[in-house]
Structures are given as structure tokens and as C-alpha cells.
N, C-alpha and C. Protein backbone atom coordinates (compact mmCIF):
# COMPACT_ATOMS: atom_id res chain seq x y z
N ARG A 1 -6.20 30.80 27.20
CA ARG A 1 -7.42 30.24 27.78
C ARG A 1 -8.46 29.93 26.71
N GLU A 2 -8.41 30.65 25.59
CA GLU A 2 -9.35 30.37 24.51
C GLU A 2 -8.98 29.07 23.79
N MET A 3 -7.67 28.75 23.76
CA MET A 3 -7.21 27.58 23.00
C MET A 3 -7.17 26.32 23.84
N ILE A 4 -6.75 26.43 25.10
CA ILE A 4 -6.60 25.24 25.95
C ILE A 4 -7.16 25.52 27.34
N PRO A 5 -7.53 24.45 28.07
CA PRO A 5 -8.00 24.65 29.45
C PRO A 5 -6.83 24.97 30.36
N VAL A 6 -6.97 26.03 31.15
CA VAL A 6 -5.97 26.42 32.14
C VAL A 6 -6.71 26.65 33.46
N THR A 7 -6.16 26.14 34.56
CA THR A 7 -6.82 26.31 35.85
C THR A 7 -6.93 27.79 36.21
N ASN A 8 -7.98 28.13 36.91
CA ASN A 8 -8.20 29.53 37.27
C ASN A 8 -7.10 30.08 38.16
N ASP A 9 -6.57 29.24 39.06
CA ASP A 9 -5.51 29.68 39.97
C ASP A 9 -4.17 29.14 39.51
N ALA A 10 -3.80 29.44 38.26
CA ALA A 10 -2.61 28.85 37.65
C ALA A 10 -1.31 29.42 38.24
N VAL A 11 -1.32 30.65 38.73
CA VAL A 11 -0.09 31.28 39.22
C VAL A 11 0.45 30.50 40.42
N GLY A 12 1.75 30.16 40.34
CA GLY A 12 2.39 29.44 41.44
C GLY A 12 2.30 27.94 41.31
N ARG A 13 1.58 27.44 40.33
CA ARG A 13 1.46 26.00 40.14
C ARG A 13 2.48 25.51 39.11
N THR A 14 2.72 24.21 39.12
CA THR A 14 3.60 23.61 38.10
C THR A 14 2.83 23.56 36.78
N PRO A 15 3.55 23.45 35.65
CA PRO A 15 2.84 23.34 34.36
C PRO A 15 1.84 22.19 34.34
N GLU A 16 2.22 21.04 34.95
CA GLU A 16 1.30 19.89 34.94
C GLU A 16 0.02 20.18 35.72
N GLU A 17 0.14 20.98 36.78
CA GLU A 17 -1.04 21.32 37.57
C GLU A 17 -1.90 22.36 36.87
N ALA A 18 -1.26 23.26 36.16
CA ALA A 18 -2.00 24.37 35.55
C ALA A 18 -2.60 24.01 34.19
N ILE A 19 -1.91 23.10 33.44
CA ILE A 19 -2.35 22.77 32.08
C ILE A 19 -2.59 21.26 32.00
N PRO A 20 -3.82 20.82 31.92
CA PRO A 20 -4.12 19.38 31.90
C PRO A 20 -3.93 18.72 30.52
N ILE A 21 -2.90 19.13 29.81
CA ILE A 21 -2.56 18.52 28.53
C ILE A 21 -1.09 18.13 28.61
N PRO A 22 -0.78 16.86 28.86
CA PRO A 22 0.61 16.45 29.13
C PRO A 22 1.60 16.88 28.06
N ASP A 23 1.24 16.77 26.78
CA ASP A 23 2.18 17.11 25.71
C ASP A 23 2.60 18.58 25.77
N ILE A 24 1.66 19.45 26.17
CA ILE A 24 1.98 20.88 26.25
C ILE A 24 2.71 21.19 27.56
N ALA A 25 2.26 20.62 28.66
CA ALA A 25 2.90 20.88 29.95
C ALA A 25 4.36 20.44 29.93
N ALA A 26 4.65 19.35 29.24
CA ALA A 26 6.03 18.83 29.20
C ALA A 26 6.98 19.78 28.50
N ARG A 27 6.48 20.68 27.66
CA ARG A 27 7.36 21.58 26.92
C ARG A 27 7.97 22.67 27.81
N PHE A 28 7.48 22.78 29.06
CA PHE A 28 8.01 23.80 29.96
C PHE A 28 9.28 23.34 30.69
N HIS A 29 9.65 22.06 30.55
CA HIS A 29 10.78 21.54 31.30
C HIS A 29 12.06 21.62 30.49
N ASP A 30 13.14 22.01 31.16
CA ASP A 30 14.44 22.16 30.49
C ASP A 30 14.96 20.84 29.96
N ALA A 31 14.60 19.74 30.62
CA ALA A 31 15.15 18.44 30.23
C ALA A 31 14.35 17.79 29.10
N VAL A 32 13.32 18.47 28.60
CA VAL A 32 12.48 17.86 27.58
C VAL A 32 13.29 17.62 26.31
N ASP A 33 13.09 16.44 25.72
CA ASP A 33 13.74 16.11 24.44
C ASP A 33 12.89 16.71 23.34
N GLU A 34 13.15 17.96 23.02
CA GLU A 34 12.22 18.70 22.17
C GLU A 34 12.65 18.74 20.72
N SER A 35 11.65 18.74 19.85
CA SER A 35 11.83 19.10 18.46
C SER A 35 11.44 20.57 18.34
N PRO A 36 11.83 21.26 17.26
CA PRO A 36 11.50 22.69 17.16
C PRO A 36 10.01 22.98 17.27
N GLU A 37 9.19 22.06 16.74
CA GLU A 37 7.75 22.27 16.78
C GLU A 37 7.05 20.96 17.14
N LEU A 38 5.91 21.07 17.77
CA LEU A 38 5.12 19.91 18.13
C LEU A 38 3.67 20.17 17.76
N ALA A 39 3.05 19.26 17.03
CA ALA A 39 1.63 19.38 16.69
C ALA A 39 0.81 18.65 17.74
N VAL A 40 -0.19 19.31 18.28
CA VAL A 40 -1.04 18.73 19.32
C VAL A 40 -2.49 18.87 18.90
N GLN A 41 -3.23 17.77 18.97
CA GLN A 41 -4.66 17.79 18.68
C GLN A 41 -5.41 17.90 20.00
N HIS A 42 -6.21 18.94 20.18
CA HIS A 42 -6.99 19.11 21.40
C HIS A 42 -8.44 19.40 21.01
N GLY A 43 -9.29 18.42 21.20
CA GLY A 43 -10.68 18.59 20.78
C GLY A 43 -10.74 18.79 19.29
N ASN A 44 -11.39 19.87 18.87
CA ASN A 44 -11.48 20.20 17.45
C ASN A 44 -10.36 21.12 16.99
N ARG A 45 -9.45 21.43 17.88
CA ARG A 45 -8.37 22.35 17.55
C ARG A 45 -7.08 21.60 17.21
N GLU A 46 -6.36 22.16 16.25
CA GLU A 46 -5.01 21.69 15.95
C GLU A 46 -4.06 22.80 16.39
N LEU A 47 -3.16 22.46 17.33
CA LEU A 47 -2.27 23.45 17.90
C LEU A 47 -0.83 23.17 17.50
N LEU A 48 -0.09 24.21 17.21
CA LEU A 48 1.34 24.11 16.96
C LEU A 48 2.05 24.70 18.17
N VAL A 49 2.92 23.90 18.81
CA VAL A 49 3.56 24.30 20.06
C VAL A 49 5.06 24.48 19.80
N ARG A 50 5.58 25.64 20.15
CA ARG A 50 7.02 25.91 20.05
C ARG A 50 7.54 26.21 21.44
N SER A 51 8.77 25.77 21.72
CA SER A 51 9.34 25.95 23.04
C SER A 51 10.81 26.34 22.92
N VAL A 52 11.22 27.40 23.66
CA VAL A 52 12.61 27.83 23.64
C VAL A 52 13.06 28.11 25.07
N ALA A 53 14.34 27.84 25.34
CA ALA A 53 14.90 28.11 26.66
C ALA A 53 15.17 29.60 26.82
N LEU A 54 14.93 30.13 28.03
CA LEU A 54 15.21 31.53 28.35
C LEU A 54 16.53 31.59 29.10
N SER A 55 17.62 31.71 28.37
CA SER A 55 18.94 31.76 28.99
C SER A 55 19.38 33.22 29.09
N PRO A 56 20.20 33.58 30.09
CA PRO A 56 20.75 32.70 31.14
C PRO A 56 19.88 32.63 32.38
N GLN A 57 18.76 33.35 32.40
CA GLN A 57 17.98 33.42 33.63
C GLN A 57 17.19 32.14 33.91
N GLY A 58 17.11 31.25 32.93
CA GLY A 58 16.38 30.00 33.12
C GLY A 58 14.91 30.14 32.77
N GLY A 59 14.22 29.02 32.81
CA GLY A 59 12.82 29.01 32.44
C GLY A 59 12.64 28.76 30.94
N ARG A 60 11.40 28.70 30.52
CA ARG A 60 11.13 28.44 29.10
C ARG A 60 9.96 29.30 28.64
N LEU A 61 10.03 29.63 27.38
CA LEU A 61 8.92 30.32 26.73
C LEU A 61 8.22 29.32 25.81
N VAL A 62 6.93 29.11 26.03
CA VAL A 62 6.16 28.18 25.21
C VAL A 62 5.10 28.97 24.45
N ILE A 63 5.10 28.82 23.14
CA ILE A 63 4.19 29.57 22.28
C ILE A 63 3.22 28.61 21.62
N LEU A 64 1.93 28.92 21.71
CA LEU A 64 0.89 28.11 21.08
C LEU A 64 0.27 28.87 19.91
N GLN A 65 0.06 28.16 18.82
CA GLN A 65 -0.58 28.77 17.64
C GLN A 65 -1.70 27.84 17.19
N ASP A 66 -2.88 28.41 17.02
CA ASP A 66 -4.03 27.62 16.54
C ASP A 66 -3.94 27.53 15.02
N VAL A 67 -3.67 26.31 14.52
CA VAL A 67 -3.50 26.11 13.07
C VAL A 67 -4.65 25.28 12.50
N THR A 68 -5.78 25.27 13.20
CA THR A 68 -6.92 24.47 12.76
C THR A 68 -7.33 24.82 11.33
N ARG A 69 -7.45 26.11 11.06
CA ARG A 69 -7.89 26.55 9.72
C ARG A 69 -6.89 26.14 8.66
N PHE A 70 -5.60 26.26 8.98
CA PHE A 70 -4.57 25.89 8.01
C PHE A 70 -4.62 24.39 7.72
N GLY A 71 -4.87 23.60 8.77
CA GLY A 71 -4.97 22.16 8.58
C GLY A 71 -6.14 21.80 7.69
N GLN A 72 -7.28 22.47 7.90
CA GLN A 72 -8.45 22.22 7.07
C GLN A 72 -8.19 22.61 5.62
N GLU A 73 -7.51 23.74 5.43
CA GLU A 73 -7.20 24.17 4.06
C GLU A 73 -6.24 23.20 3.39
N GLU A 74 -5.28 22.68 4.15
CA GLU A 74 -4.31 21.74 3.59
C GLU A 74 -5.00 20.44 3.17
N ARG A 75 -5.94 19.97 4.01
CA ARG A 75 -6.68 18.76 3.64
C ARG A 75 -7.54 19.00 2.41
N SER A 76 -8.15 20.18 2.32
CA SER A 76 -8.96 20.50 1.14
C SER A 76 -8.09 20.54 -0.12
N ARG A 77 -6.90 21.13 0.02
CA ARG A 77 -5.98 21.17 -1.12
C ARG A 77 -5.58 19.77 -1.56
N SER A 78 -5.27 18.93 -0.58
CA SER A 78 -4.85 17.57 -0.90
C SER A 78 -5.98 16.79 -1.58
N GLU A 79 -7.20 16.95 -1.07
CA GLU A 79 -8.35 16.27 -1.67
C GLU A 79 -8.60 16.78 -3.08
N PHE A 80 -8.43 18.08 -3.29
CA PHE A 80 -8.62 18.66 -4.63
C PHE A 80 -7.59 18.11 -5.61
N VAL A 81 -6.33 18.07 -5.19
CA VAL A 81 -5.27 17.55 -6.06
C VAL A 81 -5.54 16.09 -6.42
N ALA A 82 -5.95 15.29 -5.43
CA ALA A 82 -6.23 13.87 -5.68
C ALA A 82 -7.40 13.71 -6.66
N SER A 83 -8.44 14.52 -6.46
CA SER A 83 -9.62 14.42 -7.32
C SER A 83 -9.30 14.82 -8.76
N VAL A 84 -8.60 15.96 -8.92
CA VAL A 84 -8.27 16.43 -10.26
C VAL A 84 -7.33 15.45 -10.97
N SER A 85 -6.35 14.94 -10.23
CA SER A 85 -5.39 14.00 -10.82
C SER A 85 -6.11 12.74 -11.29
N HIS A 86 -7.05 12.27 -10.48
CA HIS A 86 -7.79 11.06 -10.84
C HIS A 86 -8.63 11.30 -12.10
N GLU A 87 -9.30 12.46 -12.16
CA GLU A 87 -10.17 12.76 -13.30
C GLU A 87 -9.35 12.95 -14.58
N LEU A 88 -8.18 13.57 -14.48
CA LEU A 88 -7.37 13.83 -15.67
C LEU A 88 -6.61 12.59 -16.14
N ARG A 89 -6.40 11.64 -15.25
CA ARG A 89 -5.65 10.45 -15.62
C ARG A 89 -6.40 9.63 -16.67
N THR A 90 -7.73 9.59 -16.59
CA THR A 90 -8.52 8.78 -17.52
C THR A 90 -8.39 9.27 -18.97
N PRO A 91 -8.65 10.56 -19.26
CA PRO A 91 -8.48 11.00 -20.66
C PRO A 91 -7.03 10.92 -21.13
N THR A 92 -6.08 11.13 -20.24
CA THR A 92 -4.67 11.04 -20.64
C THR A 92 -4.32 9.62 -21.05
N THR A 93 -4.86 8.65 -20.32
CA THR A 93 -4.64 7.24 -20.68
C THR A 93 -5.21 6.95 -22.06
N SER A 94 -6.35 7.53 -22.38
CA SER A 94 -6.94 7.35 -23.71
C SER A 94 -6.05 7.96 -24.79
N ILE A 95 -5.48 9.12 -24.51
CA ILE A 95 -4.59 9.76 -25.48
C ILE A 95 -3.37 8.88 -25.75
N VAL A 96 -2.81 8.30 -24.67
CA VAL A 96 -1.67 7.40 -24.82
C VAL A 96 -2.04 6.21 -25.71
N GLY A 97 -3.21 5.63 -25.45
CA GLY A 97 -3.64 4.45 -26.21
C GLY A 97 -3.83 4.75 -27.68
N TYR A 98 -4.49 5.85 -28.00
CA TYR A 98 -4.73 6.20 -29.40
C TYR A 98 -3.42 6.55 -30.10
N ALA A 99 -2.51 7.24 -29.38
CA ALA A 99 -1.21 7.58 -29.97
C ALA A 99 -0.43 6.31 -30.31
N GLU A 100 -0.47 5.33 -29.40
CA GLU A 100 0.23 4.06 -29.66
C GLU A 100 -0.38 3.33 -30.85
N THR A 101 -1.69 3.41 -30.99
CA THR A 101 -2.35 2.78 -32.14
C THR A 101 -1.89 3.42 -33.45
N LEU A 102 -1.80 4.77 -33.45
CA LEU A 102 -1.33 5.46 -34.65
C LEU A 102 0.12 5.13 -34.96
N MET A 103 0.94 5.00 -33.91
CA MET A 103 2.36 4.71 -34.11
C MET A 103 2.56 3.31 -34.69
N GLU A 104 1.61 2.41 -34.46
CA GLU A 104 1.71 1.07 -35.02
C GLU A 104 1.53 1.06 -36.54
N GLU A 105 1.04 2.19 -37.09
CA GLU A 105 0.89 2.29 -38.54
C GLU A 105 2.24 2.32 -39.24
N GLY A 106 3.29 2.64 -38.48
CA GLY A 106 4.65 2.57 -39.01
C GLY A 106 4.87 3.49 -40.20
N ASP A 107 5.37 2.92 -41.29
CA ASP A 107 5.76 3.71 -42.47
C ASP A 107 4.56 4.23 -43.24
N ARG A 108 3.37 3.76 -42.90
CA ARG A 108 2.19 4.25 -43.63
C ARG A 108 1.87 5.70 -43.25
N LEU A 109 2.45 6.18 -42.15
CA LEU A 109 2.29 7.58 -41.78
C LEU A 109 3.42 8.40 -42.38
N GLU A 110 3.07 9.61 -42.80
CA GLU A 110 4.11 10.52 -43.29
C GLU A 110 5.07 10.85 -42.14
N PRO A 111 6.35 11.01 -42.45
CA PRO A 111 7.35 11.27 -41.39
C PRO A 111 6.98 12.42 -40.47
N GLU A 112 6.49 13.50 -41.05
CA GLU A 112 6.14 14.66 -40.22
C GLU A 112 4.98 14.33 -39.29
N LEU A 113 3.98 13.59 -39.80
CA LEU A 113 2.83 13.20 -39.00
C LEU A 113 3.24 12.23 -37.90
N ARG A 114 4.14 11.30 -38.25
CA ARG A 114 4.59 10.34 -37.25
C ARG A 114 5.34 11.06 -36.12
N ASN A 115 6.14 12.05 -36.47
CA ASN A 115 6.84 12.82 -35.44
C ASN A 115 5.86 13.51 -34.49
N MET A 116 4.78 14.04 -35.05
CA MET A 116 3.77 14.69 -34.22
C MET A 116 3.13 13.70 -33.26
N VAL A 117 2.81 12.51 -33.78
CA VAL A 117 2.18 11.47 -32.93
C VAL A 117 3.13 11.04 -31.82
N GLU A 118 4.42 10.94 -32.15
CA GLU A 118 5.40 10.55 -31.13
C GLU A 118 5.51 11.61 -30.04
N VAL A 119 5.42 12.89 -30.43
CA VAL A 119 5.44 13.97 -29.43
C VAL A 119 4.21 13.88 -28.54
N ILE A 120 3.04 13.64 -29.15
CA ILE A 120 1.81 13.49 -28.37
C ILE A 120 1.94 12.33 -27.39
N HIS A 121 2.46 11.19 -27.88
CA HIS A 121 2.60 10.00 -27.05
C HIS A 121 3.57 10.26 -25.89
N ARG A 122 4.69 10.88 -26.19
CA ARG A 122 5.71 11.11 -25.17
C ARG A 122 5.19 12.04 -24.06
N ASN A 123 4.51 13.11 -24.47
CA ASN A 123 4.02 14.05 -23.47
C ASN A 123 2.81 13.52 -22.71
N ALA A 124 2.01 12.69 -23.35
CA ALA A 124 0.88 12.06 -22.64
C ALA A 124 1.41 11.11 -21.57
N LEU A 125 2.50 10.40 -21.88
CA LEU A 125 3.11 9.53 -20.87
C LEU A 125 3.64 10.35 -19.70
N ARG A 126 4.22 11.50 -20.00
CA ARG A 126 4.74 12.37 -18.93
C ARG A 126 3.60 12.87 -18.04
N LEU A 127 2.47 13.22 -18.66
CA LEU A 127 1.32 13.67 -17.88
C LEU A 127 0.79 12.53 -17.00
N THR A 128 0.73 11.33 -17.57
CA THR A 128 0.25 10.18 -16.81
C THR A 128 1.14 9.95 -15.59
N ALA A 129 2.45 10.02 -15.79
CA ALA A 129 3.38 9.82 -14.67
C ALA A 129 3.22 10.93 -13.63
N LEU A 130 2.97 12.17 -14.10
CA LEU A 130 2.79 13.29 -13.18
C LEU A 130 1.54 13.08 -12.32
N PHE A 131 0.45 12.65 -12.95
CA PHE A 131 -0.78 12.42 -12.20
C PHE A 131 -0.61 11.28 -11.20
N GLU A 132 0.13 10.25 -11.59
CA GLU A 132 0.39 9.15 -10.66
C GLU A 132 1.19 9.65 -9.46
N ASP A 133 2.16 10.52 -9.70
CA ASP A 133 2.94 11.09 -8.60
C ASP A 133 2.05 11.90 -7.66
N LEU A 134 1.17 12.72 -8.24
CA LEU A 134 0.29 13.55 -7.43
C LEU A 134 -0.66 12.69 -6.60
N LEU A 135 -1.16 11.62 -7.20
CA LEU A 135 -2.04 10.71 -6.46
C LEU A 135 -1.29 10.03 -5.33
N SER A 136 -0.06 9.64 -5.59
CA SER A 136 0.75 8.99 -4.55
C SER A 136 1.00 9.96 -3.39
N LEU A 137 1.32 11.21 -3.71
CA LEU A 137 1.55 12.21 -2.66
C LEU A 137 0.28 12.49 -1.88
N ALA A 138 -0.85 12.53 -2.58
CA ALA A 138 -2.13 12.77 -1.89
C ALA A 138 -2.45 11.63 -0.94
N ARG A 139 -2.16 10.38 -1.36
CA ARG A 139 -2.40 9.25 -0.48
C ARG A 139 -1.52 9.32 0.76
N LEU A 140 -0.27 9.77 0.59
CA LEU A 140 0.62 9.92 1.74
C LEU A 140 0.13 11.02 2.68
N ASP A 141 -0.34 12.14 2.10
CA ASP A 141 -0.83 13.26 2.91
C ASP A 141 -2.05 12.87 3.73
N ASN A 142 -2.89 12.01 3.15
CA ASN A 142 -4.16 11.65 3.80
C ASN A 142 -4.03 10.51 4.80
N ARG A 143 -2.83 9.95 4.93
CA ARG A 143 -2.65 8.87 5.89
C ARG A 143 -2.82 9.40 7.31
N SER A 144 -3.53 8.65 8.13
CA SER A 144 -3.71 9.04 9.53
C SER A 144 -2.60 8.50 10.42
N SER A 145 -1.76 7.64 9.86
CA SER A 145 -0.66 7.07 10.64
C SER A 145 0.60 7.06 9.78
N PRO A 146 1.78 7.00 10.41
CA PRO A 146 3.03 6.97 9.64
C PRO A 146 3.12 5.73 8.76
N LEU A 147 3.92 5.81 7.70
CA LEU A 147 4.14 4.65 6.84
C LEU A 147 4.79 3.52 7.64
N PRO A 148 4.37 2.28 7.41
CA PRO A 148 5.03 1.15 8.09
C PRO A 148 6.47 1.01 7.62
N LEU A 149 7.39 0.81 8.55
CA LEU A 149 8.81 0.71 8.24
C LEU A 149 9.31 -0.70 8.53
N ARG A 150 10.28 -1.13 7.75
CA ARG A 150 10.93 -2.42 7.97
C ARG A 150 12.31 -2.36 7.34
N PRO A 151 13.20 -3.28 7.69
CA PRO A 151 14.51 -3.30 7.02
C PRO A 151 14.36 -3.58 5.53
N VAL A 152 14.95 -2.74 4.71
CA VAL A 152 14.84 -2.86 3.25
C VAL A 152 16.25 -2.98 2.66
N ARG A 153 16.45 -3.98 1.82
CA ARG A 153 17.75 -4.16 1.17
C ARG A 153 17.89 -3.14 0.04
N VAL A 154 18.92 -2.31 0.11
CA VAL A 154 19.10 -1.23 -0.87
C VAL A 154 19.28 -1.79 -2.28
N SER A 155 20.00 -2.90 -2.41
CA SER A 155 20.24 -3.47 -3.73
C SER A 155 18.94 -3.87 -4.41
N SER A 156 17.95 -4.32 -3.63
CA SER A 156 16.66 -4.70 -4.22
C SER A 156 15.95 -3.49 -4.81
N ILE A 157 16.01 -2.36 -4.10
CA ILE A 157 15.38 -1.14 -4.60
C ILE A 157 16.03 -0.69 -5.90
N ILE A 158 17.37 -0.64 -5.89
CA ILE A 158 18.10 -0.16 -7.07
C ILE A 158 17.87 -1.08 -8.26
N SER A 159 17.90 -2.39 -8.03
CA SER A 159 17.71 -3.35 -9.14
C SER A 159 16.34 -3.19 -9.78
N GLU A 160 15.31 -3.04 -8.95
CA GLU A 160 13.96 -2.89 -9.48
C GLU A 160 13.83 -1.61 -10.31
N ILE A 161 14.42 -0.53 -9.81
CA ILE A 161 14.33 0.75 -10.53
C ILE A 161 15.10 0.70 -11.84
N ILE A 162 16.29 0.11 -11.83
CA ILE A 162 17.09 0.02 -13.06
C ILE A 162 16.38 -0.84 -14.11
N ASP A 163 15.79 -1.95 -13.68
CA ASP A 163 15.05 -2.80 -14.60
C ASP A 163 13.91 -2.04 -15.26
N LYS A 164 13.27 -1.16 -14.49
CA LYS A 164 12.13 -0.40 -15.01
C LYS A 164 12.58 0.65 -16.02
N TRP A 165 13.70 1.34 -15.74
CA TRP A 165 14.09 2.49 -16.56
C TRP A 165 15.18 2.18 -17.57
N ARG A 166 15.69 0.94 -17.61
CA ARG A 166 16.76 0.62 -18.54
C ARG A 166 16.34 0.83 -20.01
N PRO A 167 15.14 0.37 -20.45
CA PRO A 167 14.77 0.58 -21.85
C PRO A 167 14.76 2.06 -22.25
N ALA A 168 14.18 2.92 -21.36
CA ALA A 168 14.12 4.35 -21.67
C ALA A 168 15.52 4.95 -21.71
N ALA A 169 16.40 4.48 -20.82
CA ALA A 169 17.77 4.99 -20.79
C ALA A 169 18.53 4.59 -22.05
N GLN A 170 18.34 3.33 -22.48
CA GLN A 170 19.06 2.83 -23.66
C GLN A 170 18.66 3.61 -24.91
N GLU A 171 17.39 4.03 -24.98
CA GLU A 171 16.95 4.82 -26.13
C GLU A 171 17.72 6.14 -26.24
N LYS A 172 18.19 6.63 -25.11
CA LYS A 172 18.93 7.90 -25.09
C LYS A 172 20.43 7.68 -24.97
N GLY A 173 20.88 6.44 -25.10
CA GLY A 173 22.30 6.16 -25.02
C GLY A 173 22.87 6.30 -23.62
N ILE A 174 22.01 6.10 -22.61
CA ILE A 174 22.44 6.23 -21.21
C ILE A 174 22.60 4.84 -20.60
N SER A 175 23.67 4.63 -19.87
CA SER A 175 23.88 3.36 -19.19
C SER A 175 23.92 3.58 -17.69
N PHE A 176 23.63 2.54 -16.93
CA PHE A 176 23.64 2.61 -15.47
C PHE A 176 24.87 1.92 -14.92
N GLN A 177 25.39 2.48 -13.84
CA GLN A 177 26.43 1.82 -13.07
C GLN A 177 26.03 1.89 -11.60
N THR A 178 26.16 0.78 -10.89
CA THR A 178 25.78 0.76 -9.48
C THR A 178 26.98 0.41 -8.63
N ALA A 179 27.01 0.97 -7.42
CA ALA A 179 28.07 0.67 -6.46
C ALA A 179 27.40 0.58 -5.09
N ILE A 180 26.94 -0.62 -4.74
CA ILE A 180 26.18 -0.82 -3.51
C ILE A 180 26.89 -1.85 -2.64
N PRO A 181 27.29 -1.49 -1.42
CA PRO A 181 27.89 -2.49 -0.53
C PRO A 181 26.95 -3.67 -0.33
N ARG A 182 27.48 -4.85 -0.35
CA ARG A 182 26.66 -6.06 -0.23
C ARG A 182 25.93 -6.09 1.12
N GLY A 183 24.67 -6.43 1.06
CA GLY A 183 23.90 -6.66 2.28
C GLY A 183 23.45 -5.42 3.02
N ILE A 184 23.77 -4.22 2.51
CA ILE A 184 23.40 -3.02 3.25
C ILE A 184 21.87 -2.84 3.22
N LYS A 185 21.32 -2.47 4.40
CA LYS A 185 19.87 -2.27 4.52
C LYS A 185 19.59 -0.91 5.15
N VAL A 186 18.39 -0.44 4.90
CA VAL A 186 17.92 0.79 5.55
C VAL A 186 16.56 0.49 6.19
N GLN A 187 16.22 1.26 7.21
CA GLN A 187 14.91 1.13 7.83
C GLN A 187 13.97 2.08 7.10
N GLY A 188 13.05 1.55 6.34
CA GLY A 188 12.18 2.42 5.54
C GLY A 188 10.97 1.69 5.01
N ASN A 189 10.23 2.38 4.15
CA ASN A 189 9.06 1.82 3.50
C ASN A 189 9.42 1.51 2.04
N TYR A 190 9.28 0.26 1.65
CA TYR A 190 9.77 -0.19 0.34
C TYR A 190 9.15 0.60 -0.80
N GLN A 191 7.82 0.70 -0.82
CA GLN A 191 7.15 1.36 -1.94
C GLN A 191 7.47 2.85 -1.98
N ALA A 192 7.59 3.48 -0.82
CA ALA A 192 7.92 4.91 -0.80
C ALA A 192 9.34 5.13 -1.32
N LEU A 193 10.26 4.25 -0.96
CA LEU A 193 11.64 4.37 -1.44
C LEU A 193 11.73 4.12 -2.94
N ILE A 194 10.96 3.14 -3.42
CA ILE A 194 10.91 2.88 -4.87
C ILE A 194 10.44 4.14 -5.60
N HIS A 195 9.41 4.77 -5.06
CA HIS A 195 8.85 5.97 -5.68
C HIS A 195 9.88 7.11 -5.65
N LEU A 196 10.52 7.29 -4.51
CA LEU A 196 11.46 8.39 -4.35
C LEU A 196 12.69 8.24 -5.25
N VAL A 197 13.36 7.08 -5.13
CA VAL A 197 14.57 6.87 -5.92
C VAL A 197 14.23 6.76 -7.41
N GLY A 198 13.07 6.19 -7.72
CA GLY A 198 12.64 6.09 -9.11
C GLY A 198 12.48 7.47 -9.74
N ASN A 199 11.97 8.43 -8.99
CA ASN A 199 11.84 9.80 -9.52
C ASN A 199 13.21 10.41 -9.80
N LEU A 200 14.18 10.14 -8.92
CA LEU A 200 15.53 10.67 -9.13
C LEU A 200 16.13 10.09 -10.42
N VAL A 201 15.97 8.79 -10.61
CA VAL A 201 16.52 8.14 -11.81
C VAL A 201 15.81 8.64 -13.06
N GLU A 202 14.49 8.75 -12.98
CA GLU A 202 13.73 9.22 -14.15
C GLU A 202 14.15 10.64 -14.53
N ASN A 203 14.31 11.51 -13.55
CA ASN A 203 14.73 12.89 -13.84
C ASN A 203 16.13 12.93 -14.46
N ALA A 204 17.02 12.08 -13.94
CA ALA A 204 18.37 12.04 -14.49
C ALA A 204 18.37 11.55 -15.94
């Protein structure tokens, strides 16, 4: 009663009559197409609803958990990560730029010094990529609606990723081989798939 409105004379009534929240009332029915958990927004509260069948006697047990505070903390965490990543990306980009300038000196740098600059450059690039990943994840977390989906040609995703990472792979003596059935498509978000598969290729 503290979390949701329930009629005063709820005993003997159907769930729909007793609980004026359709998403929650529907969880009491055996025929419901249920997922293990359901998130329900009610007023200022965020509720997590779980439902299990009571076999063999029949009926259902529906459990409600108020996760409002956890949701607020998660949003705060996401905002913090996005803010820190954005602030750190700027100085890291400067480090990359200055390291590249020093590397252009070529043979005028002592071998030991050049090796140090290359290490700085390589790790600054890794930090930049890490911050970009964190910003991308924060943007996904903060979306109020699901990512738009459309048919995506798998070969297009793989080709774009290979083109991007081929130079780095060649430096390490790594070659790519692809085996993609012609014309195969998936229902997904192009940019999210590029990001996901690109991370797998980069890690490999």
C-alpha cells in the first residue's frame, strides 16, 4: 500500500479491480507472457516486479521492490562517468598531438627518447579510445527510448571495421579473413553494432 494504490476492499476482487496499474495486475495471470523481471514507473517511484507461478496449487506470487533510489544512483553514476570522460578526453588529445609532433622529428631524437615518446603516444591513444567508449556507453544509458533498429547488412559492418583496423593489424603482422554469407542481414542499430564488433576486433 505504501508503494502502489490498492483498493481498501481488495479481498475477493480480481487483480485488475484491486490494483489500478495494468502492468502490475497482469502479472497475476497464469497466461501472462512474462519476463523474469518487469520495470514499472508509477509516479515518482521506480518499481521492479517479479512474478512466479505457485505450483501445483495454482495462483501466482508477485513481488514488488522499490528501486527508485538505485535508479537515481545509477543515473548519477552514468552522469559522473560521462562528465569525467569528457573532461579527461581534452588533455589526452593534447598529449597525443604533442607526442605525434615529437615523433615527426624522426632520427633527430635519440633512440631511447623516441621509444619513450612512442610509448606515450600509444598509451594516450588507448586512453582516448577508452574515454570514447565510456562516453558512448553513457549516451546509451541516458537514452529515454530504445535504439532505433533496422535491417543491417552484416558484410557492411565487417568491411567498415576491417578498413579501420587493417593498418594497426598490419603493424603487428596480423591479417584478417572473413566468411560472411552473401546478403545476410540482422535487425539492429548500425552504429551500436559497429561499436560492439569494433571493440572485439580491436581487442583481438
